[in-house]
Amino acid sequence: MTLSGHEFLESIRDDDRWKRIKSGLSAIRNFSLSAISSIAEGVTSAAITAYLKAP
């Protein structure tokens, strides 16, 4: 498996994150690997932003 594959799996490994990703996929009705990766990236970015804004 390539480094990109490992990074992808790490981005969707968490159960709560995967639930959010699946919800996003259902909303846009696109189940391509590209869509999954984009949503996973957005979910991760949102988690990072929330962490940085926490007191």
Protein backbone atom coordinates (compact mmCIF):
# COMPACT_ATOMS: atom_id res chain seq x y z
CA MET A 1 0.00 0.00 0.00
CA THR A 2 1.23 3.48 -0.78
CA LEU A 3 1.74 6.32 1.69
CA SER A 4 -1.38 7.97 0.27
CA GLY A 5 -3.38 4.83 1.01
CA HIS A 6 -2.17 4.77 4.61
CA GLU A 7 -2.99 8.45 5.02
CA PHE A 8 -6.47 7.88 3.58
CA LEU A 9 -7.17 5.00 5.97
CA GLU A 10 -5.95 7.06 8.91
CA SER A 11 -8.29 9.91 7.91
CA ILE A 12 -11.37 7.65 8.09
CA ARG A 13 -10.38 5.29 10.92
CA ASP A 14 -12.19 7.04 13.79
CA ASP A 15 -15.82 5.83 14.11
CA ASP A 16 -17.26 9.28 14.84
CA ARG A 17 -15.35 10.81 11.93
CA TRP A 18 -16.49 7.99 9.61
CA LYS A 19 -20.14 8.63 10.60
CA ARG A 20 -19.74 12.31 9.67
CA ILE A 21 -18.11 11.36 6.37
CA LYS A 22 -20.94 8.93 5.52
CA SER A 23 -23.48 11.63 6.35
CA GLY A 24 -21.75 14.02 3.96
CA LEU A 25 -21.61 11.39 1.23
CA SER A 26 -25.35 10.76 1.57
CA ALA A 27 -26.02 14.49 1.30
CA ILE A 28 -24.04 14.91 -1.92
CA ARG A 29 -24.89 11.43 -3.27
CA ASN A 30 -21.35 10.90 -4.54
CA PHE A 31 -19.51 7.86 -3.25
CA SER A 32 -16.26 8.17 -5.20
CA LEU A 33 -12.89 7.85 -3.50
CA SER A 34 -12.23 11.47 -4.38
CA ALA A 35 -15.42 12.59 -2.62
CA ILE A 36 -14.63 10.48 0.44
CA SER A 37 -11.14 11.98 0.62
CA SER A 38 -12.43 15.54 0.24
CA ILE A 39 -15.05 15.13 2.95
CA ALA A 40 -12.54 13.42 5.25
CA GLU A 41 -10.17 16.34 4.74
CA GLY A 42 -12.92 18.82 5.58
CA VAL A 43 -13.93 16.90 8.72
CA THR A 44 -10.30 16.77 9.84
CA SER A 45 -9.81 20.49 9.17
CA ALA A 46 -12.94 21.30 11.17
CA ALA A 47 -11.68 19.18 14.08
CA ILE A 48 -8.33 20.96 14.03
CA THR A 49 -10.00 24.38 13.92
CA ALA A 50 -12.27 23.47 16.82
CA TYR A 51 -9.29 22.25 18.84
CA LEU A 52 -7.31 25.44 18.18
CA LYS A 53 -10.25 27.65 19.18
CA ALA A 54 -10.92 25.77 22.42
CA PRO A 55 -9.91 27.69 25.56
